[in-house]
Amino acid sequence: MQWQGRCPACGNWNSFEEIALSKTVQASRAPSGNRSLTQGSTAILSLAEVKVEDTVRWPTGSVELDRALGGGLVPGAVVLIGGDPGIGKSTLTLQVVSAIAEQRRAVYVTGEESAAQVAARAQRLDLALAPIRVLAETNLEAIFDLISKDRPQVVVIDSIQTLYSDAYSSAPGSVVQVRECAADLIRYAKANGVSVLIVGHVTKEGTIAGPRVLEHLVDTVIYFEGEAGSSIRIIRALKNRFGASNEIGVFSMTENGLRAVANPSVLFLHNTQSLSAGNVVFPAIEGSRPLLVQIQALVDRTAGNPRRVCNGVDAQRLAMLLAVMNRHLGSQLSGFDVFVNVVGGISVDEPAADLAIIAAIWSSLTGRVLPSQQVLFGEIGLGGEIRPVVGAAIRIGEAEKLGFESVICGDLGKTLRTRAGLKLQTAARVDAAIELLRA
């Protein structure tokens, strides 16, 4: 301890105040050289000497969340759940605590709501109240004291922006408080084998004391996606140390909370029998899951500067595809506005969607309605060639499962076995693919 008489920041004398930390906090804040963030020996070992054990997973009660996590919660792992305010993070975590509490001790730590508000929300979600154990507290030291006595296996923190530690003078939600409180929670999880779910809010900028500060610290990062006014919610694993990243789970927001969507392709392809010009079905792959989505395009004549507006598609990719259409298809789009949209609020960022986007724009430009039971996929090169894509067999298999009748894609390189009645057509160039659409 060092005596301080004058504050180096404000210049006032005798303005320092001593704060005594509890033994639990003092132990957790021991110098990093005296503790290990992970279980096991701190000696230097050869990897051949390390004993590798199978990863234990605890089901969360939600098939879609387990898919995004790679199979369930891992003891000692810290999961960050981010998303815009009001998108459903608290609803999902409360449902998870309710399901896990039937088999394991779980605590829901709320800093934004009172215990009465959490109970009222659980009643609206039609959850059993008795198994759910809640702690309304924002002081990190008090939380550690209570959960150290209770010894839960799963802890939910809702949200990290509301926590504060007495060891720091900054306000709750500041970068210092968020980062250091999360670091202490991670040390606690690793040392005690407790699975911790941390809820974090994302501002419009996505930079102020939110999950962006914590992504490199935690084991798994899950983000909520969804359009305002839409009931579809998608959770995407952007980082996962215990499973594959970029896996998604699809939910539907109902009056009774989030409900898992077993077959999201059917949800995204609602009413495809009455498609108009400019609509194309594309078999996307999200993580390891095939997903059929509907891509829409609208081409409209303009008297001024043409606009290029896209939702769910990369704007730079769209500009490149329009240039390919101008050079290799002779489509003069300089006097037209072009709008491209992916139905359902999902984002398609893989090059395999190139052929479907071009087909949708061509369909809207010519007014020709494409068959509703047809899917298209393929990457388009600058020379107009259609390149093979990853997961062609999986994409075709999903189209088969949902009863589609025709597939147009690039050269597959080898013959795929398809069901009887499925018409599989390949094309080496984009102009050849358009000729197949004209047939």
Protein backbone atom coordinates (compact mmCIF):
# COMPACT_ATOMS: atom_id res chain seq x y z
CA MET A 1 0.00 0.00 0.00
CA GLN A 2 1.29 3.46 -0.89
CA TRP A 3 0.23 6.71 0.80
CA GLN A 4 -1.43 9.22 -1.49
CA GLY A 5 -2.12 12.76 -0.29
CA ARG A 6 -2.99 14.57 -3.50
CA CYS A 7 -5.03 13.19 -6.36
CA PRO A 8 -2.94 13.20 -9.57
CA ALA A 9 -6.10 13.59 -11.68
CA CYS A 10 -8.03 16.47 -10.08
CA GLY A 11 -5.29 17.94 -7.84
CA ASN A 12 -7.40 17.86 -4.63
CA TRP A 13 -5.82 16.95 -1.29
CA ASN A 14 -7.17 14.23 1.04
CA SER A 15 -9.71 13.07 -1.54
CA PHE A 16 -8.70 9.38 -1.58
CA GLU A 17 -10.93 6.88 0.21
CA GLU A 18 -9.88 3.38 1.25
CA ILE A 19 -12.15 0.52 0.10
CA ALA A 20 -11.75 -2.88 1.76
CA LEU A 21 -12.33 -5.83 -0.58
CA SER A 22 -13.77 -9.13 0.62
CA LYS A 23 -11.52 -12.18 0.85
CA THR A 24 -13.26 -13.71 -2.16
CA VAL A 25 -12.50 -10.70 -4.31
CA GLN A 26 -8.96 -10.43 -3.01
CA ALA A 27 -8.35 -14.02 -4.01
CA SER A 28 -9.87 -13.50 -7.44
CA ARG A 29 -7.76 -10.39 -7.95
CA ALA A 30 -4.48 -12.04 -6.98
CA PRO A 31 -1.56 -11.30 -9.32
CA SER A 32 -1.78 -13.26 -12.52
CA GLY A 33 1.45 -15.00 -11.69
CA ASN A 34 -0.18 -16.65 -8.65
CA ARG A 35 -3.21 -18.12 -10.38
CA SER A 36 -4.03 -20.09 -13.47
CA LEU A 37 -6.90 -19.12 -15.76
CA THR A 38 -7.38 -22.74 -16.78
CA GLN A 39 -7.36 -25.97 -14.89
CA GLY A 40 -4.27 -28.16 -15.06
CA SER A 41 -0.54 -27.90 -14.55
CA THR A 42 1.34 -24.63 -15.08
CA ALA A 43 4.54 -26.46 -16.08
CA ILE A 44 5.81 -26.54 -19.64
CA LEU A 45 4.71 -29.80 -21.21
CA SER A 46 4.83 -31.56 -24.53
CA LEU A 47 1.44 -31.94 -26.15
CA ALA A 48 2.03 -35.71 -26.17
CA GLU A 49 2.09 -35.59 -22.35
CA VAL A 50 -1.23 -33.74 -22.07
CA LYS A 51 -4.21 -35.92 -21.21
CA VAL A 52 -7.06 -35.09 -23.56
CA GLU A 53 -10.55 -35.81 -22.25
CA ASP A 54 -13.84 -35.84 -24.07
CA THR A 55 -15.71 -32.55 -23.84
CA VAL A 56 -18.74 -32.80 -21.55
CA ARG A 57 -21.81 -30.92 -22.75
CA TRP A 58 -24.97 -29.96 -20.90
CA PRO A 59 -28.12 -29.65 -23.04
CA THR A 60 -29.83 -26.27 -22.74
CA GLY A 61 -33.32 -27.53 -23.49
CA SER A 62 -33.29 -25.77 -26.88
CA VAL A 63 -32.26 -27.79 -29.93
CA GLU A 64 -31.46 -24.67 -31.95
CA LEU A 65 -29.30 -23.11 -29.22
CA ASP A 66 -27.48 -26.43 -28.74
CA ARG A 67 -26.78 -26.46 -32.49
CA ALA A 68 -25.23 -22.98 -32.35
CA LEU A 69 -23.17 -23.92 -29.27
CA GLY A 70 -21.90 -27.10 -30.89
CA GLY A 71 -23.95 -29.52 -28.77
CA GLY A 72 -24.66 -27.70 -25.49
CA LEU A 73 -22.98 -25.82 -22.66
CA VAL A 74 -19.45 -26.84 -21.66
CA PRO A 75 -18.47 -26.76 -17.95
CA GLY A 76 -16.06 -23.90 -17.35
CA ALA A 77 -16.92 -22.18 -20.64
CA VAL A 78 -18.07 -18.57 -20.91
CA VAL A 79 -20.65 -17.74 -23.57
CA LEU A 80 -21.33 -14.16 -24.68
CA ILE A 81 -24.83 -13.53 -26.07
CA GLY A 82 -25.01 -10.21 -27.91
CA GLY A 83 -27.68 -8.38 -29.84
CA ASP A 84 -29.77 -5.24 -30.07
CA PRO A 85 -31.94 -4.31 -27.06
CA GLY A 86 -35.33 -6.02 -27.15
CA ILE A 87 -34.40 -8.71 -29.67
CA GLY A 88 -34.93 -11.59 -27.20
CA LYS A 89 -31.67 -12.19 -25.29
CA SER A 90 -33.28 -12.09 -21.83
CA THR A 91 -36.17 -14.22 -23.02
CA LEU A 92 -33.84 -16.91 -24.35
CA THR A 93 -31.60 -17.00 -21.28
CA LEU A 94 -34.59 -17.20 -18.92
CA GLN A 95 -35.97 -20.13 -20.91
CA VAL A 96 -32.54 -21.79 -20.77
CA VAL A 97 -32.34 -21.38 -16.98
CA SER A 98 -35.82 -22.85 -16.64
CA ALA A 99 -34.87 -25.92 -18.70
CA ILE A 100 -31.45 -26.46 -17.09
CA ALA A 101 -32.78 -25.98 -13.55
CA GLU A 102 -34.67 -29.26 -13.82
CA GLN A 103 -31.37 -31.18 -13.69
CA ARG A 104 -28.68 -28.74 -12.49
CA ARG A 105 -28.32 -25.82 -10.12
CA ALA A 106 -28.63 -22.59 -12.07
CA VAL A 107 -28.81 -18.94 -11.02
CA TYR A 108 -30.21 -16.06 -13.08
CA VAL A 109 -28.42 -12.86 -12.05
CA THR A 110 -30.41 -9.83 -13.16
CA GLY A 111 -29.10 -6.30 -13.02
CA GLU A 112 -31.69 -4.63 -15.24
CA GLU A 113 -34.87 -5.94 -13.65
CA SER A 114 -36.10 -6.69 -10.16
CA ALA A 115 -36.89 -10.23 -9.04
CA ALA A 116 -40.60 -9.40 -9.31
CA GLN A 117 -40.19 -8.30 -12.93
CA VAL A 118 -38.33 -11.52 -13.78
CA ALA A 119 -41.08 -13.57 -12.13
CA ALA A 120 -43.74 -11.69 -14.09
CA ARG A 121 -41.87 -12.33 -17.35
CA ALA A 122 -41.52 -16.03 -16.49
CA GLN A 123 -45.28 -16.20 -15.95
CA ARG A 124 -45.92 -14.60 -19.35
CA LEU A 125 -43.62 -17.20 -20.91
CA ASP A 126 -45.58 -19.95 -19.14
CA LEU A 127 -42.48 -21.21 -17.29
CA ALA A 128 -42.46 -23.08 -13.99
CA LEU A 129 -41.41 -20.57 -11.33
CA ALA A 130 -40.21 -22.94 -8.60
CA PRO A 131 -37.03 -24.28 -10.32
CA ILE A 132 -35.86 -20.80 -11.41
CA ARG A 133 -33.54 -19.18 -8.87
CA VAL A 134 -32.93 -15.47 -9.34
CA LEU A 135 -30.47 -12.97 -7.84
CA ALA A 136 -31.13 -9.24 -8.32
CA GLU A 137 -27.70 -7.70 -7.76
CA THR A 138 -25.25 -5.50 -9.66
CA ASN A 139 -22.26 -5.46 -7.31
CA LEU A 140 -19.71 -8.01 -8.50
CA GLU A 141 -18.23 -8.65 -5.05
CA ALA A 142 -21.68 -9.37 -3.59
CA ILE A 143 -22.47 -11.71 -6.50
CA PHE A 144 -19.25 -13.67 -5.92
CA ASP A 145 -19.98 -13.97 -2.20
CA LEU A 146 -23.46 -15.37 -2.82
CA ILE A 147 -22.71 -17.78 -5.67
CA SER A 148 -19.60 -19.06 -3.88
CA LYS A 149 -21.88 -20.24 -1.08
CA ASP A 150 -24.63 -21.52 -3.41
CA ARG A 151 -22.20 -23.28 -5.81
CA PRO A 152 -24.37 -23.30 -8.98
CA GLN A 153 -23.32 -25.12 -12.13
CA VAL A 154 -24.74 -22.53 -14.54
CA VAL A 155 -24.77 -18.76 -14.01
CA VAL A 156 -26.53 -16.25 -16.28
CA ILE A 157 -25.47 -12.58 -16.11
CA ASP A 158 -28.10 -10.22 -17.53
CA SER A 159 -26.46 -7.98 -18.39
CA ILE A 160 -22.73 -7.28 -18.17
CA GLN A 161 -23.35 -3.54 -18.70
CA THR A 162 -25.07 -3.27 -15.31
CA LEU A 163 -22.31 -4.87 -13.21
CA TYR A 164 -19.72 -2.86 -11.31
CA SER A 165 -16.81 -3.64 -9.06
CA ASP A 166 -15.75 -1.65 -6.00
CA ALA A 167 -12.15 -1.96 -7.17
CA TYR A 168 -12.78 0.58 -9.95
CA SER A 169 -14.20 4.07 -9.69
CA SER A 170 -15.71 4.23 -13.18
CA ALA A 171 -19.45 3.96 -13.71
CA PRO A 172 -21.22 0.70 -14.61
CA GLY A 173 -21.20 0.13 -18.36
CA SER A 174 -17.84 1.80 -18.91
CA VAL A 175 -15.17 -0.04 -20.83
CA VAL A 176 -13.08 -0.65 -17.70
CA GLN A 177 -15.97 -2.02 -15.65
CA VAL A 178 -17.27 -4.24 -18.46
CA ARG A 179 -13.85 -5.67 -19.29
CA GLU A 180 -12.67 -6.25 -15.71
CA CYS A 181 -15.99 -7.65 -14.45
CA ALA A 182 -16.04 -10.06 -17.38
CA ALA A 183 -12.42 -11.07 -16.71
CA ASP A 184 -13.29 -11.90 -13.09
CA LEU A 185 -16.31 -13.94 -14.21
CA ILE A 186 -14.10 -15.85 -16.62
CA ARG A 187 -11.57 -16.63 -13.87
CA TYR A 188 -14.39 -17.84 -11.64
CA ALA A 189 -15.83 -20.06 -14.40
CA LYS A 190 -12.47 -21.66 -15.24
CA ALA A 191 -11.49 -22.26 -11.61
CA ASN A 192 -14.82 -23.78 -10.56
CA GLY A 193 -16.02 -25.53 -13.74
CA VAL A 194 -19.12 -23.32 -13.92
CA SER A 195 -20.75 -22.50 -17.24
CA VAL A 196 -21.40 -18.74 -17.45
CA LEU A 197 -23.70 -17.03 -19.96
CA ILE A 198 -23.08 -13.29 -20.26
CA VAL A 199 -25.68 -11.09 -21.94
CA GLY A 200 -24.36 -7.96 -23.63
CA HIS A 201 -26.10 -5.16 -25.49
CA VAL A 202 -24.93 -3.82 -28.83
CA THR A 203 -25.46 -0.17 -29.68
CA LYS A 204 -26.09 1.03 -33.23
CA GLU A 205 -22.37 1.71 -33.56
CA GLY A 206 -21.50 -1.62 -31.91
CA THR A 207 -18.46 -0.16 -30.16
CA ILE A 208 -19.42 1.39 -26.80
CA ALA A 209 -18.64 -0.96 -23.90
CA GLY A 210 -20.47 -3.81 -25.52
CA PRO A 211 -19.61 -7.32 -26.66
CA ARG A 212 -16.91 -5.96 -28.99
CA VAL A 213 -14.76 -5.42 -25.90
CA LEU A 214 -15.24 -8.99 -24.73
CA GLU A 215 -15.12 -11.12 -27.88
CA HIS A 216 -11.45 -12.02 -27.48
CA LEU A 217 -11.91 -13.00 -23.80
CA VAL A 218 -14.83 -15.43 -23.90
CA ASP A 219 -14.99 -18.95 -25.33
CA THR A 220 -18.11 -18.57 -27.46
CA VAL A 221 -19.74 -15.54 -29.06
CA ILE A 222 -23.38 -15.76 -30.15
CA TYR A 223 -25.20 -12.90 -31.86
CA PHE A 224 -28.92 -12.38 -32.32
CA GLU A 225 -30.08 -11.32 -35.77
CA GLY A 226 -33.54 -10.30 -36.91
CA GLU A 227 -35.43 -7.56 -38.68
CA ALA A 228 -37.60 -5.11 -36.77
CA GLY A 229 -41.22 -6.17 -37.04
CA SER A 230 -40.35 -9.74 -38.00
CA SER A 231 -40.95 -12.71 -35.71
CA ILE A 232 -37.91 -14.59 -37.06
CA ARG A 233 -34.84 -14.61 -34.82
CA ILE A 234 -31.50 -16.11 -35.85
CA ILE A 235 -28.65 -16.81 -33.46
CA ARG A 236 -25.24 -17.15 -35.07
CA ALA A 237 -22.06 -18.46 -33.45
CA LEU A 238 -19.28 -16.12 -34.60
CA LYS A 239 -16.67 -17.75 -32.36
CA ASN A 240 -16.65 -21.14 -30.65
CA ARG A 241 -13.65 -22.80 -29.00
CA PHE A 242 -15.63 -25.99 -28.45
CA GLY A 243 -17.33 -26.39 -31.82
CA ALA A 244 -17.76 -25.08 -35.32
CA SER A 245 -18.24 -21.36 -35.80
CA ASN A 246 -20.87 -19.77 -38.04
CA GLU A 247 -23.51 -22.31 -36.99
CA ILE A 248 -26.99 -20.85 -36.71
CA GLY A 249 -30.17 -21.53 -34.80
CA VAL A 250 -33.55 -20.31 -36.01
CA PHE A 251 -36.32 -19.22 -33.64
CA SER A 252 -39.76 -17.72 -33.96
CA MET A 253 -40.83 -15.10 -31.42
CA THR A 254 -44.29 -15.93 -30.07
CA GLU A 255 -46.44 -14.78 -27.17
CA ASN A 256 -44.93 -17.59 -25.08
CA GLY A 257 -41.31 -16.74 -25.90
CA LEU A 258 -38.84 -18.06 -28.44
CA ARG A 259 -39.77 -21.31 -30.14
CA ALA A 260 -37.29 -23.36 -32.15
CA VAL A 261 -37.99 -23.73 -35.87
CA ALA A 262 -37.34 -27.34 -36.85
CA ASN A 263 -37.38 -26.74 -40.62
CA PRO A 264 -36.43 -23.11 -41.33
CA SER A 265 -36.44 -23.62 -45.11
CA VAL A 266 -40.22 -23.99 -45.02
CA LEU A 267 -40.46 -20.78 -42.98
CA PHE A 268 -38.36 -18.76 -45.44
CA LEU A 269 -40.14 -20.18 -48.49
CA HIS A 270 -43.67 -19.29 -47.46
CA ASN A 271 -46.08 -19.00 -50.41
CA THR A 272 -43.58 -19.78 -53.17
CA GLN A 273 -46.36 -21.18 -55.40
CA SER A 274 -47.46 -17.68 -56.41
CA LEU A 275 -44.09 -16.09 -57.14
CA SER A 276 -43.88 -13.09 -59.43
CA ALA A 277 -41.07 -12.01 -61.72
CA GLY A 278 -37.80 -11.32 -59.90
CA ASN A 279 -38.09 -14.17 -57.36
CA VAL A 280 -35.57 -17.02 -57.15
CA VAL A 281 -34.96 -19.78 -54.59
CA PHE A 282 -31.35 -20.20 -53.49
CA PRO A 283 -30.00 -23.15 -51.41
CA ALA A 284 -27.68 -21.49 -48.90
CA ILE A 285 -25.44 -23.18 -46.34
CA GLU A 286 -25.18 -21.66 -42.86
CA GLY A 287 -22.49 -23.49 -40.93
CA SER A 288 -23.32 -27.14 -41.58
CA ARG A 289 -27.03 -26.54 -42.22
CA PRO A 290 -28.58 -26.18 -45.69
CA LEU A 291 -31.18 -23.45 -45.85
CA LEU A 292 -33.41 -22.58 -48.78
CA VAL A 293 -34.06 -18.84 -48.98
CA GLN A 294 -35.90 -16.61 -51.40
CA ILE A 295 -33.99 -13.87 -53.21
CA GLN A 296 -36.03 -11.02 -54.67
CA ALA A 297 -35.01 -8.41 -57.25
CA LEU A 298 -36.84 -5.37 -58.59
CA VAL A 299 -35.57 -3.49 -61.64
CA ASP A 300 -37.33 -0.18 -62.28
CA ARG A 301 -36.63 2.55 -64.83
CA THR A 302 -35.32 5.81 -63.43
CA ALA A 303 -34.97 9.33 -64.79
CA GLY A 304 -32.07 10.30 -62.53
CA ASN A 305 -29.03 8.59 -61.12
CA PRO A 306 -29.70 4.84 -60.83
CA ARG A 307 -29.78 3.44 -57.32
CA ARG A 308 -28.38 0.10 -56.16
CA VAL A 309 -30.10 -0.95 -52.93
CA CYS A 310 -29.61 -4.36 -51.34
CA ASN A 311 -30.78 -6.00 -48.13
CA GLY A 312 -29.04 -9.19 -47.03
CA VAL A 313 -26.55 -9.07 -49.94
CA ASP A 314 -23.15 -7.39 -50.11
CA ALA A 315 -23.36 -4.11 -52.04
CA GLN A 316 -19.92 -4.50 -53.60
CA ARG A 317 -20.80 -8.01 -54.79
CA LEU A 318 -23.99 -6.69 -56.36
CA ALA A 319 -22.06 -4.00 -58.26
CA MET A 320 -19.71 -6.66 -59.65
CA LEU A 321 -22.61 -8.89 -60.77
CA LEU A 322 -24.28 -5.96 -62.54
CA ALA A 323 -21.04 -5.35 -64.45
CA VAL A 324 -20.92 -9.03 -65.43
CA MET A 325 -24.52 -8.81 -66.69
CA ASN A 326 -23.68 -5.74 -68.74
CA ARG A 327 -20.62 -7.31 -70.36
CA HIS A 328 -21.68 -10.94 -70.87
CA LEU A 329 -25.48 -10.77 -71.09
CA GLY A 330 -25.88 -7.39 -72.78
CA SER A 331 -28.20 -6.19 -70.00
CA GLN A 332 -28.14 -2.40 -70.05
CA LEU A 333 -28.98 -1.42 -66.48
CA SER A 334 -27.53 2.10 -66.44
CA GLY A 335 -31.02 3.60 -66.67
CA PHE A 336 -32.64 1.36 -64.06
CA ASP A 337 -32.82 1.23 -60.29
CA VAL A 338 -31.92 -2.21 -58.95
CA PHE A 339 -33.22 -3.47 -55.61
CA VAL A 340 -32.21 -6.87 -54.17
CA ASN A 341 -33.67 -8.38 -51.01
CA VAL A 342 -33.31 -11.67 -49.13
CA VAL A 343 -36.65 -12.64 -47.58
CA GLY A 344 -36.78 -13.26 -43.84
CA GLY A 345 -34.01 -10.91 -42.74
CA ILE A 346 -31.24 -13.44 -43.28
CA SER A 347 -27.92 -12.32 -44.78
CA VAL A 348 -26.40 -14.24 -47.69
CA ASP A 349 -22.68 -13.54 -47.98
CA GLU A 350 -21.42 -16.60 -49.86
CA PRO A 351 -20.39 -16.40 -53.55
CA ALA A 352 -22.64 -19.37 -54.33
CA ALA A 353 -25.57 -16.92 -54.44
CA ASP A 354 -24.19 -15.12 -57.52
CA LEU A 355 -26.18 -17.10 -60.09
CA ALA A 356 -29.41 -16.77 -58.12
CA ILE A 357 -28.98 -12.99 -57.81
CA ILE A 358 -28.30 -12.58 -61.54
CA ALA A 359 -31.30 -14.78 -62.38
CA ALA A 360 -33.56 -12.71 -60.10
CA ILE A 361 -32.39 -9.43 -61.69
CA TRP A 362 -32.80 -10.85 -65.21
CA SER A 363 -36.28 -12.13 -64.34
CA SER A 364 -37.40 -8.71 -63.09
CA LEU A 365 -35.82 -6.91 -66.05
CA THR A 366 -37.51 -9.13 -68.64
CA GLY A 367 -40.73 -9.71 -66.69
CA ARG A 368 -40.33 -13.47 -67.06
CA VAL A 369 -41.59 -15.51 -64.09
CA LEU A 370 -39.22 -18.34 -63.18
CA PRO A 371 -40.56 -21.76 -62.09
CA SER A 372 -41.39 -21.80 -58.39
CA GLN A 373 -40.03 -25.36 -57.98
CA GLN A 374 -36.55 -24.46 -59.25
CA VAL A 375 -33.37 -23.58 -57.34
CA LEU A 376 -30.18 -21.98 -58.64
CA PHE A 377 -26.67 -21.67 -57.23
CA GLY A 378 -23.16 -21.01 -58.52
CA GLU A 379 -20.30 -18.55 -58.19
CA ILE A 380 -19.86 -16.14 -61.11
CA GLY A 381 -16.39 -15.05 -62.22
CA LEU A 382 -15.56 -11.76 -63.91
CA GLY A 383 -15.24 -13.60 -67.21
CA GLY A 384 -18.81 -14.85 -66.96
CA GLU A 385 -17.81 -18.40 -66.04
CA ILE A 386 -19.78 -20.35 -63.40
CA ARG A 387 -17.46 -21.90 -60.86
CA PRO A 388 -18.21 -24.90 -58.63
CA VAL A 389 -19.10 -24.19 -55.02
CA VAL A 390 -18.67 -26.00 -51.73
CA GLY A 391 -21.49 -28.24 -50.56
CA ALA A 392 -23.25 -28.80 -53.90
CA ALA A 393 -24.50 -32.22 -52.80
CA ILE A 394 -25.92 -30.80 -49.56
CA ARG A 395 -27.71 -28.01 -51.42
CA ILE A 396 -29.23 -30.40 -53.94
CA GLY A 397 -30.21 -32.79 -51.15
CA GLU A 398 -32.15 -30.04 -49.35
CA ALA A 399 -33.96 -29.16 -52.57
CA GLU A 400 -34.83 -32.84 -53.00
CA LYS A 401 -36.14 -33.11 -49.46
CA LEU A 402 -38.52 -30.20 -49.96
CA GLY A 403 -39.82 -31.53 -53.26
CA PHE A 404 -38.22 -29.13 -55.76
CA GLU A 405 -38.25 -30.29 -59.35
CA SER A 406 -35.31 -28.52 -61.04
CA VAL A 407 -31.78 -27.41 -60.18
CA ILE A 408 -29.53 -25.14 -62.28
CA CYS A 409 -25.91 -24.83 -61.17
CA GLY A 410 -22.32 -24.84 -62.42
CA ASP A 411 -20.28 -27.86 -63.42
CA LEU A 412 -20.39 -30.33 -60.51
CA GLY A 413 -17.24 -32.13 -61.57
CA LYS A 414 -18.84 -35.52 -60.93
CA THR A 415 -22.25 -37.07 -61.31
CA LEU A 416 -24.48 -36.84 -58.27
CA ARG A 417 -27.12 -39.40 -57.51
CA THR A 418 -30.48 -37.63 -57.27
CA ARG A 419 -34.01 -38.84 -56.86
CA ALA A 420 -36.12 -39.72 -59.86
CA GLY A 421 -37.94 -36.70 -61.24
CA LEU A 422 -35.38 -34.09 -60.17
CA LYS A 423 -34.07 -32.31 -63.25
CA LEU A 424 -30.41 -31.39 -62.77
CA GLN A 425 -28.98 -28.93 -65.31
CA THR A 426 -25.44 -27.56 -65.37
CA ALA A 427 -23.95 -24.62 -67.25
CA ALA A 428 -20.35 -23.50 -67.71
CA ARG A 429 -21.14 -19.81 -68.30
CA VAL A 430 -23.74 -17.32 -67.12
CA ASP A 431 -25.16 -16.81 -70.62
CA ALA A 432 -25.69 -20.56 -70.92
CA ALA A 433 -27.55 -20.56 -67.60
CA ILE A 434 -29.84 -17.78 -68.83
CA GLU A 435 -30.57 -19.82 -71.94
CA LEU A 436 -31.69 -22.66 -69.67
CA LEU A 437 -34.06 -20.23 -67.97
CA ARG A 438 -35.48 -19.20 -71.32
CA ALA A 439 -36.18 -22.81 -72.32
